[in-house]
Protein backbone atom coordinates (compact mmCIF):
# COMPACT_ATOMS: atom_id res chain seq x y z
CA MET A 1 139.12 44.30 -53.40
CA THR A 2 136.40 41.35 -53.96
CA THR A 3 137.75 38.00 -52.66
CA ILE A 4 136.74 34.69 -53.51
CA GLN A 5 135.09 34.02 -50.56
CA ASP A 6 132.79 37.26 -51.11
CA THR A 7 131.94 36.14 -54.55
CA MET A 8 130.88 32.60 -53.64
CA THR A 9 128.86 34.17 -50.63
CA SER A 10 127.05 36.60 -52.59
CA ASP A 11 126.27 33.54 -54.96
CA HIS A 12 124.97 31.42 -52.27
CA ARG A 13 122.86 34.42 -51.44
CA ARG A 14 121.52 34.75 -54.77
CA CYS A 15 120.84 31.08 -55.13
CA ASP A 16 118.69 31.34 -51.75
CA GLU A 17 116.65 34.22 -52.81
CA PHE A 18 115.39 32.49 -55.88
CA TYR A 19 114.22 29.78 -53.77
CA ALA A 20 113.01 32.29 -51.38
CA GLN A 21 110.84 33.50 -54.31
CA ALA A 22 109.58 30.16 -55.10
CA GLU A 23 108.52 29.92 -51.36
CA ARG A 24 106.74 33.14 -51.30
CA ALA A 25 104.92 32.16 -54.50
CA LEU A 26 103.58 28.80 -53.39
CA GLU A 27 102.43 30.32 -50.08
CA ALA A 28 100.38 32.91 -52.53
CA GLY A 29 99.25 29.91 -54.49
CA ASP A 30 100.67 31.32 -57.70
CA TRP A 31 102.10 28.15 -59.17
CA ALA A 32 103.45 29.14 -62.33
CA GLY A 33 105.34 32.13 -60.30
CA ALA A 34 106.90 29.11 -58.20
CA SER A 35 107.84 27.02 -60.90
CA ALA A 36 109.37 29.75 -62.58
CA ALA A 37 111.42 31.02 -59.66
CA PHE A 38 112.36 26.71 -58.91
CA ASP A 39 113.69 27.02 -62.46
CA GLN A 40 116.00 30.00 -61.70
CA PHE A 41 117.05 28.58 -58.30
CA GLU A 42 117.92 25.12 -60.23
CA LYS A 43 119.74 26.60 -62.99
CA ALA A 44 121.55 29.13 -60.13
CA VAL A 45 122.53 26.25 -58.22
CA ARG A 46 124.33 24.13 -60.97
CA ALA A 47 125.90 27.26 -62.11
CA HIS A 48 127.16 27.66 -58.60
CA PHE A 49 128.10 23.98 -58.57
CA ASP A 50 130.08 23.85 -61.50
CA ALA A 51 132.56 27.07 -60.59
CA GLU A 52 133.19 25.09 -57.04
CA GLU A 53 134.00 22.07 -59.20
CA GLN A 54 135.83 23.54 -62.41
CA LEU A 55 137.52 26.43 -60.56
CA LEU A 56 137.35 26.75 -56.69
CA PHE A 57 138.12 23.04 -55.86
CA PRO A 58 140.90 22.46 -58.18
CA ALA A 59 142.85 25.48 -56.55
CA CYS A 60 142.09 24.17 -53.26
CA GLU A 61 143.25 20.43 -53.72
CA ALA A 62 146.36 21.99 -55.37
CA ALA A 63 147.42 22.55 -51.66
CA PRO A 64 149.21 19.76 -49.88
CA GLY A 65 146.88 17.54 -47.82
CA MET A 66 143.46 18.62 -49.50
CA ARG A 67 142.66 15.69 -51.64
CA MET A 68 139.91 13.90 -50.34
CA GLY A 69 138.97 16.33 -47.97
CA PRO A 70 136.04 18.96 -47.80
CA THR A 71 136.19 19.27 -51.42
CA GLU A 72 135.48 15.45 -51.91
CA VAL A 73 132.52 15.85 -49.38
CA THR A 74 130.73 18.79 -51.30
CA ARG A 75 131.41 16.90 -54.62
CA GLY A 76 129.07 14.08 -52.86
CA GLU A 77 126.53 16.91 -51.85
CA HIS A 78 126.58 18.19 -55.13
CA LYS A 79 125.92 14.95 -56.93
CA GLN A 80 123.02 14.29 -54.35
CA LEU A 81 121.23 17.26 -55.24
CA ARG A 82 121.60 17.09 -58.99
CA ALA A 83 120.05 13.41 -58.53
CA LEU A 84 117.32 15.56 -56.42
CA PHE A 85 116.92 18.21 -59.31
CA ALA A 86 116.64 15.03 -61.98
CA ALA A 87 114.32 13.01 -60.24
CA PRO A 88 110.83 13.08 -61.39
CA PRO A 89 108.15 15.18 -59.74
């Protein structure tokens, strides 16, 4: 049986791999490849954030005492990363 932890860990690794692809492309001087891999990374990370915020966090916050806890901190981190993605190069 696949757990939510398994699913989210797998998705984190998928995002990490896109980032690693961008790094490898940069090291090779492949600017187009780096740009394409980073675009995939950004899209994957945004989808991951959306899944956490729309599905996982509400379920966690339904538990007593979970409001304003780790999910709120992570939402703040998501906001910071979205701002970095939106910043001009």
